[in-house]
Amino acid sequence: MPVIERPDFTRRSYIPPGIKLILLAAVILGFILRSCWLEKREDYYDIDEIVLTDQTHSSVDVLFVVTNKTRMTREEPFLIKVYTTRGDLIASRLTNVELPPRSRRRYRKMVEKWERPLLEGEELSHATIEIYKPSILGR
């Protein structure tokens, strides 16, 4: 019967400090490029003509028009926030919208799951839509 020798896994390999420094610089450069791209996205899309329609006791439809100025088909996350006449945030929704290149399209999204019921004499006043910016640190 042949003898099988086990490899020695206790020995650690040495990574030179120069390689560690290059990897650290690459990670920092990646974070900087990502933050620049997230800030620049607002220049590529126009969101306008926001209208609230078909309101029920627990939902409302939000109509809006998005203009894509780029030459790429993109799927972008949008954050929709609905406010009352008192200025309180009543509902919000995160949704993805597929944007064809060089186009201007109307979208309809339903916002449900309100944070609280409407008070006596309170109505929905307006909605805001912005491109969602994910945060690495949770801020």
N, C-alpha and C. Protein backbone atom coordinates (compact mmCIF):
# COMPACT_ATOMS: atom_id res chain seq x y z
N MET A 1 0.83 -1.16 0.00
CA MET A 1 0.00 0.00 0.00
C MET A 1 0.89 1.24 0.00
N PRO A 2 0.60 2.22 -0.92
CA PRO A 2 1.46 3.40 -1.00
C PRO A 2 1.25 4.31 0.22
N VAL A 3 2.29 5.00 0.57
CA VAL A 3 2.25 5.94 1.69
C VAL A 3 1.86 7.32 1.15
N ILE A 4 0.80 7.90 1.73
CA ILE A 4 0.35 9.23 1.30
C ILE A 4 0.77 10.24 2.36
N GLU A 5 1.54 11.20 1.92
CA GLU A 5 2.00 12.24 2.86
C GLU A 5 1.06 13.43 2.77
N ARG A 6 0.70 13.93 3.90
CA ARG A 6 -0.18 15.10 3.96
C ARG A 6 0.65 16.36 3.79
N PRO A 7 0.13 17.32 3.02
CA PRO A 7 0.88 18.58 2.89
C PRO A 7 0.84 19.37 4.19
N ASP A 8 1.84 20.18 4.36
CA ASP A 8 1.95 20.99 5.57
C ASP A 8 1.15 22.28 5.38
N PHE A 9 -0.02 22.38 6.06
CA PHE A 9 -0.88 23.55 5.94
C PHE A 9 -0.57 24.61 7.01
N THR A 10 0.33 24.34 7.88
CA THR A 10 0.64 25.29 8.95
C THR A 10 1.58 26.39 8.47
N ARG A 11 2.26 26.15 7.38
CA ARG A 11 3.19 27.15 6.86
C ARG A 11 2.40 28.23 6.12
N ARG A 12 2.65 29.48 6.44
CA ARG A 12 1.94 30.60 5.81
C ARG A 12 2.80 31.19 4.70
N SER A 13 2.09 31.66 3.65
CA SER A 13 2.81 32.29 2.56
C SER A 13 3.02 33.77 2.88
N TYR A 14 4.07 34.32 2.42
CA TYR A 14 4.43 35.71 2.68
C TYR A 14 3.92 36.59 1.54
N ILE A 15 3.19 37.65 1.88
CA ILE A 15 2.73 38.62 0.89
C ILE A 15 3.56 39.89 1.09
N PRO A 16 4.24 40.32 0.04
CA PRO A 16 5.10 41.50 0.19
C PRO A 16 4.27 42.76 0.48
N PRO A 17 4.84 43.70 1.23
CA PRO A 17 4.12 44.94 1.57
C PRO A 17 3.76 45.77 0.33
N GLY A 18 4.54 45.69 -0.71
CA GLY A 18 4.25 46.43 -1.94
C GLY A 18 2.94 45.98 -2.58
N ILE A 19 2.70 44.68 -2.58
CA ILE A 19 1.45 44.12 -3.13
C ILE A 19 0.27 44.55 -2.27
N LYS A 20 0.43 44.54 -0.95
CA LYS A 20 -0.63 44.99 -0.05
C LYS A 20 -0.97 46.46 -0.30
N LEU A 21 0.04 47.28 -0.52
CA LEU A 21 -0.18 48.70 -0.78
C LEU A 21 -0.90 48.91 -2.11
N ILE A 22 -0.55 48.14 -3.13
CA ILE A 22 -1.22 48.25 -4.43
C ILE A 22 -2.69 47.83 -4.32
N LEU A 23 -2.97 46.77 -3.58
CA LEU A 23 -4.36 46.33 -3.38
C LEU A 23 -5.17 47.37 -2.61
N LEU A 24 -4.59 47.96 -1.60
CA LEU A 24 -5.27 49.01 -0.84
C LEU A 24 -5.58 50.22 -1.71
N ALA A 25 -4.63 50.62 -2.55
CA ALA A 25 -4.85 51.75 -3.46
C ALA A 25 -5.94 51.42 -4.48
N ALA A 26 -6.00 50.18 -4.96
CA ALA A 26 -7.04 49.78 -5.92
C ALA A 26 -8.42 49.82 -5.28
N VAL A 27 -8.54 49.41 -4.03
CA VAL A 27 -9.83 49.45 -3.33
C VAL A 27 -10.28 50.89 -3.12
N ILE A 28 -9.38 51.76 -2.70
CA ILE A 28 -9.73 53.17 -2.50
C ILE A 28 -10.12 53.82 -3.81
N LEU A 29 -9.40 53.54 -4.89
CA LEU A 29 -9.74 54.09 -6.20
C LEU A 29 -11.11 53.58 -6.67
N GLY A 30 -11.44 52.33 -6.37
CA GLY A 30 -12.76 51.78 -6.72
C GLY A 30 -13.88 52.51 -6.00
N PHE A 31 -13.70 52.80 -4.71
CA PHE A 31 -14.71 53.55 -3.95
C PHE A 31 -14.89 54.97 -4.50
N ILE A 32 -13.79 55.61 -4.88
CA ILE A 32 -13.86 56.97 -5.43
C ILE A 32 -14.59 56.97 -6.77
N LEU A 33 -14.27 56.03 -7.66
CA LEU A 33 -14.93 55.96 -8.96
C LEU A 33 -16.42 55.65 -8.81
N ARG A 34 -16.78 54.79 -7.86
CA ARG A 34 -18.19 54.45 -7.62
C ARG A 34 -18.96 55.68 -7.14
N SER A 35 -18.40 56.43 -6.22
CA SER A 35 -19.09 57.61 -5.71
C SER A 35 -19.22 58.68 -6.80
N CYS A 36 -18.23 58.81 -7.67
CA CYS A 36 -18.33 59.77 -8.78
C CYS A 36 -19.44 59.36 -9.74
N TRP A 37 -19.57 58.07 -10.03
CA TRP A 37 -20.62 57.60 -10.93
C TRP A 37 -21.99 57.83 -10.31
N LEU A 38 -22.15 57.57 -9.03
CA LEU A 38 -23.44 57.77 -8.38
C LEU A 38 -23.84 59.24 -8.37
N GLU A 39 -22.87 60.15 -8.22
CA GLU A 39 -23.18 61.58 -8.24
C GLU A 39 -23.49 62.07 -9.66
N LYS A 40 -22.86 61.50 -10.65
CA LYS A 40 -23.03 61.95 -12.03
C LYS A 40 -24.34 61.45 -12.64
N ARG A 41 -24.95 60.39 -12.07
CA ARG A 41 -26.17 59.81 -12.65
C ARG A 41 -27.31 60.82 -12.74
N GLU A 42 -27.38 61.76 -11.82
CA GLU A 42 -28.47 62.74 -11.83
C GLU A 42 -28.44 63.62 -13.08
N ASP A 43 -27.28 63.79 -13.68
CA ASP A 43 -27.18 64.60 -14.90
C ASP A 43 -27.68 63.84 -16.13
N TYR A 44 -27.75 62.53 -16.06
CA TYR A 44 -28.12 61.72 -17.21
C TYR A 44 -29.62 61.55 -17.38
N TYR A 45 -30.40 61.82 -16.33
CA TYR A 45 -31.85 61.58 -16.37
C TYR A 45 -32.60 62.80 -15.87
N ASP A 46 -33.72 63.11 -16.53
CA ASP A 46 -34.63 64.16 -16.08
C ASP A 46 -35.94 63.52 -15.66
N ILE A 47 -36.41 63.89 -14.47
CA ILE A 47 -37.68 63.38 -13.94
C ILE A 47 -38.60 64.58 -13.78
N ASP A 48 -39.74 64.55 -14.48
CA ASP A 48 -40.67 65.67 -14.37
C ASP A 48 -42.11 65.20 -14.58
N GLU A 49 -43.04 66.14 -14.53
CA GLU A 49 -44.47 65.88 -14.69
C GLU A 49 -44.97 64.81 -13.71
N ILE A 50 -44.71 65.03 -12.43
CA ILE A 50 -45.12 64.09 -11.39
C ILE A 50 -46.56 64.41 -10.98
N VAL A 51 -47.44 63.42 -11.09
CA VAL A 51 -48.87 63.59 -10.81
C VAL A 51 -49.35 62.43 -9.94
N LEU A 52 -50.18 62.75 -8.93
CA LEU A 52 -50.82 61.71 -8.11
C LEU A 52 -52.21 61.44 -8.67
N THR A 53 -52.52 60.16 -8.93
CA THR A 53 -53.83 59.79 -9.47
C THR A 53 -54.36 58.55 -8.76
N ASP A 54 -55.63 58.26 -8.95
CA ASP A 54 -56.28 57.04 -8.47
C ASP A 54 -55.99 56.76 -6.99
N GLN A 55 -56.31 57.72 -6.15
CA GLN A 55 -56.08 57.57 -4.72
C GLN A 55 -57.17 56.72 -4.08
N THR A 56 -56.77 55.76 -3.25
CA THR A 56 -57.69 54.97 -2.43
C THR A 56 -57.31 55.19 -0.97
N HIS A 57 -57.91 54.41 -0.06
CA HIS A 57 -57.59 54.55 1.36
C HIS A 57 -56.19 54.06 1.71
N SER A 58 -55.64 53.17 0.87
CA SER A 58 -54.34 52.60 1.21
C SER A 58 -53.32 52.64 0.08
N SER A 59 -53.63 53.31 -1.02
CA SER A 59 -52.67 53.36 -2.11
C SER A 59 -52.92 54.58 -2.99
N VAL A 60 -51.94 54.89 -3.80
CA VAL A 60 -52.04 55.98 -4.77
C VAL A 60 -51.12 55.64 -5.94
N ASP A 61 -51.54 56.03 -7.14
CA ASP A 61 -50.70 55.85 -8.33
C ASP A 61 -49.93 57.14 -8.58
N VAL A 62 -48.66 56.98 -8.89
CA VAL A 62 -47.81 58.13 -9.19
C VAL A 62 -47.41 58.05 -10.65
N LEU A 63 -47.76 59.06 -11.42
CA LEU A 63 -47.38 59.16 -12.83
C LEU A 63 -46.19 60.11 -12.94
N PHE A 64 -45.19 59.73 -13.72
CA PHE A 64 -44.04 60.60 -13.92
C PHE A 64 -43.38 60.30 -15.25
N VAL A 65 -42.64 61.26 -15.75
CA VAL A 65 -41.95 61.14 -17.03
C VAL A 65 -40.45 61.18 -16.78
N VAL A 66 -39.74 60.20 -17.37
CA VAL A 66 -38.28 60.15 -17.25
C VAL A 66 -37.67 60.27 -18.63
N THR A 67 -36.72 61.18 -18.76
CA THR A 67 -35.98 61.36 -20.00
C THR A 67 -34.58 60.81 -19.81
N ASN A 68 -34.20 59.85 -20.65
CA ASN A 68 -32.87 59.26 -20.61
C ASN A 68 -32.02 59.95 -21.67
N LYS A 69 -30.96 60.63 -21.25
CA LYS A 69 -30.11 61.37 -22.18
C LYS A 69 -28.92 60.55 -22.68
N THR A 70 -28.76 59.35 -22.14
CA THR A 70 -27.60 58.54 -22.52
C THR A 70 -27.90 57.66 -23.73
N ARG A 71 -26.88 56.99 -24.20
CA ARG A 71 -27.02 56.07 -25.33
C ARG A 71 -27.06 54.61 -24.85
N MET A 72 -27.33 54.42 -23.56
CA MET A 72 -27.35 53.07 -22.99
C MET A 72 -28.73 52.75 -22.45
N THR A 73 -29.11 51.49 -22.56
CA THR A 73 -30.31 51.01 -21.88
C THR A 73 -29.90 50.68 -20.45
N ARG A 74 -30.57 51.31 -19.50
CA ARG A 74 -30.22 51.14 -18.10
C ARG A 74 -31.45 50.80 -17.28
N GLU A 75 -31.25 50.07 -16.21
CA GLU A 75 -32.30 49.84 -15.23
C GLU A 75 -31.86 50.56 -13.96
N GLU A 76 -32.55 51.63 -13.62
CA GLU A 76 -32.15 52.47 -12.51
C GLU A 76 -33.16 52.37 -11.36
N PRO A 77 -32.68 52.41 -10.12
CA PRO A 77 -33.59 52.43 -8.98
C PRO A 77 -34.06 53.86 -8.68
N PHE A 78 -35.36 54.03 -8.47
CA PHE A 78 -35.93 55.33 -8.13
C PHE A 78 -36.62 55.22 -6.78
N LEU A 79 -36.51 56.28 -5.98
CA LEU A 79 -37.16 56.36 -4.68
C LEU A 79 -38.32 57.34 -4.79
N ILE A 80 -39.54 56.83 -4.58
CA ILE A 80 -40.74 57.65 -4.67
C ILE A 80 -41.21 57.94 -3.24
N LYS A 81 -41.43 59.22 -2.93
CA LYS A 81 -41.92 59.63 -1.61
C LYS A 81 -43.20 60.43 -1.80
N VAL A 82 -44.24 60.10 -1.02
CA VAL A 82 -45.54 60.77 -1.10
C VAL A 82 -45.75 61.55 0.20
N TYR A 83 -46.16 62.82 0.06
CA TYR A 83 -46.33 63.71 1.21
C TYR A 83 -47.79 64.15 1.35
N THR A 84 -48.16 64.54 2.57
CA THR A 84 -49.51 65.04 2.86
C THR A 84 -49.50 66.56 2.82
N THR A 85 -50.69 67.15 3.02
CA THR A 85 -50.80 68.61 3.04
C THR A 85 -50.09 69.22 4.25
N ARG A 86 -49.89 68.44 5.31
CA ARG A 86 -49.16 68.91 6.48
C ARG A 86 -47.65 68.83 6.28
N GLY A 87 -47.20 68.22 5.20
CA GLY A 87 -45.78 68.08 4.93
C GLY A 87 -45.17 66.81 5.48
N ASP A 88 -45.99 65.89 5.98
CA ASP A 88 -45.50 64.63 6.53
C ASP A 88 -45.31 63.60 5.41
N LEU A 89 -44.27 62.80 5.54
CA LEU A 89 -44.05 61.69 4.63
C LEU A 89 -45.02 60.57 5.00
N ILE A 90 -45.90 60.22 4.07
CA ILE A 90 -46.92 59.21 4.36
C ILE A 90 -46.54 57.84 3.81
N ALA A 91 -45.81 57.81 2.69
CA ALA A 91 -45.41 56.53 2.09
C ALA A 91 -44.19 56.73 1.21
N SER A 92 -43.45 55.65 1.04
CA SER A 92 -42.30 55.68 0.13
C SER A 92 -42.16 54.30 -0.50
N ARG A 93 -41.53 54.30 -1.65
CA ARG A 93 -41.35 53.04 -2.38
C ARG A 93 -40.07 53.12 -3.19
N LEU A 94 -39.32 52.03 -3.20
CA LEU A 94 -38.14 51.89 -4.02
C LEU A 94 -38.50 50.99 -5.19
N THR A 95 -38.31 51.48 -6.42
CA THR A 95 -38.71 50.73 -7.60
C THR A 95 -37.64 50.85 -8.68
N ASN A 96 -37.54 49.83 -9.51
CA ASN A 96 -36.61 49.85 -10.64
C ASN A 96 -37.37 50.19 -11.90
N VAL A 97 -36.76 51.02 -12.74
CA VAL A 97 -37.35 51.44 -14.00
C VAL A 97 -36.34 51.18 -15.10
N GLU A 98 -36.77 50.48 -16.15
CA GLU A 98 -35.89 50.25 -17.29
C GLU A 98 -36.01 51.42 -18.25
N LEU A 99 -34.87 52.03 -18.57
CA LEU A 99 -34.84 53.24 -19.38
C LEU A 99 -34.17 52.95 -20.72
N PRO A 100 -34.92 53.00 -21.82
CA PRO A 100 -34.32 52.82 -23.14
C PRO A 100 -33.42 54.02 -23.49
N PRO A 101 -32.47 53.85 -24.40
CA PRO A 101 -31.56 54.95 -24.73
C PRO A 101 -32.28 56.08 -25.48
N ARG A 102 -31.86 57.30 -25.16
CA ARG A 102 -32.38 58.51 -25.84
C ARG A 102 -33.90 58.52 -25.93
N SER A 103 -34.57 58.35 -24.80
CA SER A 103 -36.03 58.26 -24.83
C SER A 103 -36.64 59.14 -23.76
N ARG A 104 -37.93 59.38 -23.92
CA ARG A 104 -38.75 60.11 -22.94
C ARG A 104 -40.01 59.28 -22.75
N ARG A 105 -40.16 58.69 -21.57
CA ARG A 105 -41.27 57.78 -21.33
C ARG A 105 -42.02 58.13 -20.06
N ARG A 106 -43.33 57.81 -20.08
CA ARG A 106 -44.19 58.00 -18.91
C ARG A 106 -44.31 56.67 -18.18
N TYR A 107 -44.21 56.74 -16.87
CA TYR A 107 -44.31 55.54 -16.03
C TYR A 107 -45.40 55.74 -14.99
N ARG A 108 -46.01 54.62 -14.57
CA ARG A 108 -47.02 54.63 -13.52
C ARG A 108 -46.59 53.60 -12.48
N LYS A 109 -46.45 54.06 -11.24
CA LYS A 109 -46.08 53.17 -10.15
C LYS A 109 -47.07 53.35 -9.01
N MET A 110 -47.48 52.24 -8.40
CA MET A 110 -48.41 52.28 -7.29
C MET A 110 -47.62 52.29 -5.97
N VAL A 111 -47.99 53.22 -5.11
CA VAL A 111 -47.36 53.31 -3.79
C VAL A 111 -48.37 52.84 -2.76
N GLU A 112 -48.01 51.79 -2.04
CA GLU A 112 -48.89 51.20 -1.03
C GLU A 112 -48.16 51.22 0.32
N LYS A 113 -48.77 50.58 1.31
CA LYS A 113 -48.17 50.43 2.63
C LYS A 113 -47.84 51.78 3.25
N TRP A 114 -48.87 52.54 3.52
CA TRP A 114 -48.69 53.85 4.14
C TRP A 114 -48.22 53.68 5.57
N GLU A 115 -47.47 54.65 6.04
CA GLU A 115 -46.95 54.60 7.40
C GLU A 115 -48.05 54.81 8.44
N ARG A 116 -49.06 55.57 8.09
CA ARG A 116 -50.18 55.82 8.99
C ARG A 116 -51.39 56.20 8.15
N PRO A 117 -52.60 56.09 8.71
CA PRO A 117 -53.77 56.54 7.95
C PRO A 117 -53.82 58.07 7.89
N LEU A 118 -54.52 58.58 6.90
CA LEU A 118 -54.68 60.02 6.78
C LEU A 118 -55.55 60.55 7.93
N LEU A 119 -55.18 61.70 8.46
CA LEU A 119 -55.93 62.32 9.54
C LEU A 119 -57.16 63.03 8.98
N GLU A 120 -58.02 63.47 9.86
CA GLU A 120 -59.24 64.19 9.46
C GLU A 120 -58.87 65.48 8.72
N GLY A 121 -59.39 65.63 7.52
CA GLY A 121 -59.14 66.83 6.72
C GLY A 121 -57.78 66.85 6.02
N GLU A 122 -57.01 65.80 6.16
CA GLU A 122 -55.69 65.73 5.55
C GLU A 122 -55.79 65.05 4.18
N GLU A 123 -55.03 65.53 3.22
CA GLU A 123 -55.02 64.95 1.88
C GLU A 123 -53.59 64.79 1.40
N LEU A 124 -53.43 64.05 0.33
CA LEU A 124 -52.12 63.93 -0.29
C LEU A 124 -51.85 65.19 -1.10
N SER A 125 -50.65 65.73 -0.97
CA SER A 125 -50.37 66.97 -1.68
C SER A 125 -49.44 66.78 -2.87
N HIS A 126 -48.32 66.09 -2.67
CA HIS A 126 -47.36 65.94 -3.77
C HIS A 126 -46.48 64.73 -3.53
N ALA A 127 -45.69 64.41 -4.55
CA ALA A 127 -44.73 63.32 -4.48
C ALA A 127 -43.40 63.81 -5.02
N THR A 128 -42.33 63.23 -4.51
CA THR A 128 -41.00 63.51 -5.04
C THR A 128 -40.40 62.19 -5.53
N ILE A 129 -39.63 62.28 -6.60
CA ILE A 129 -38.97 61.10 -7.16
C ILE A 129 -37.51 61.46 -7.37
N GLU A 130 -36.65 60.60 -6.87
CA GLU A 130 -35.21 60.84 -7.03
C GLU A 130 -34.52 59.51 -7.33
N ILE A 131 -33.35 59.61 -7.90
CA ILE A 131 -32.56 58.41 -8.17
C ILE A 131 -32.00 57.94 -6.84
N TYR A 132 -32.20 56.66 -6.53
CA TYR A 132 -31.77 56.10 -5.26
C TYR A 132 -30.25 55.97 -5.25
N LYS A 133 -29.65 56.45 -4.17
CA LYS A 133 -28.21 56.35 -4.00
C LYS A 133 -27.92 55.39 -2.85
N PRO A 134 -27.50 54.18 -3.15
CA PRO A 134 -27.18 53.24 -2.07
C PRO A 134 -25.92 53.70 -1.34
N SER A 135 -25.90 53.42 -0.04
CA SER A 135 -24.76 53.83 0.77
C SER A 135 -24.02 52.59 1.26
N ILE A 136 -22.74 52.65 1.22
CA ILE A 136 -21.93 51.54 1.68
C ILE A 136 -21.95 51.46 3.20
N LEU A 137 -21.93 52.62 3.86
CA LEU A 137 -21.84 52.66 5.31
C LEU A 137 -23.19 52.68 6.00
N GLY A 138 -24.30 52.68 5.25
CA GLY A 138 -25.63 52.64 5.84
C GLY A 138 -26.16 53.98 6.28
N ARG A 139 -25.62 55.06 5.78
CA ARG A 139 -26.11 56.40 6.14
C ARG A 139 -27.22 56.83 5.27
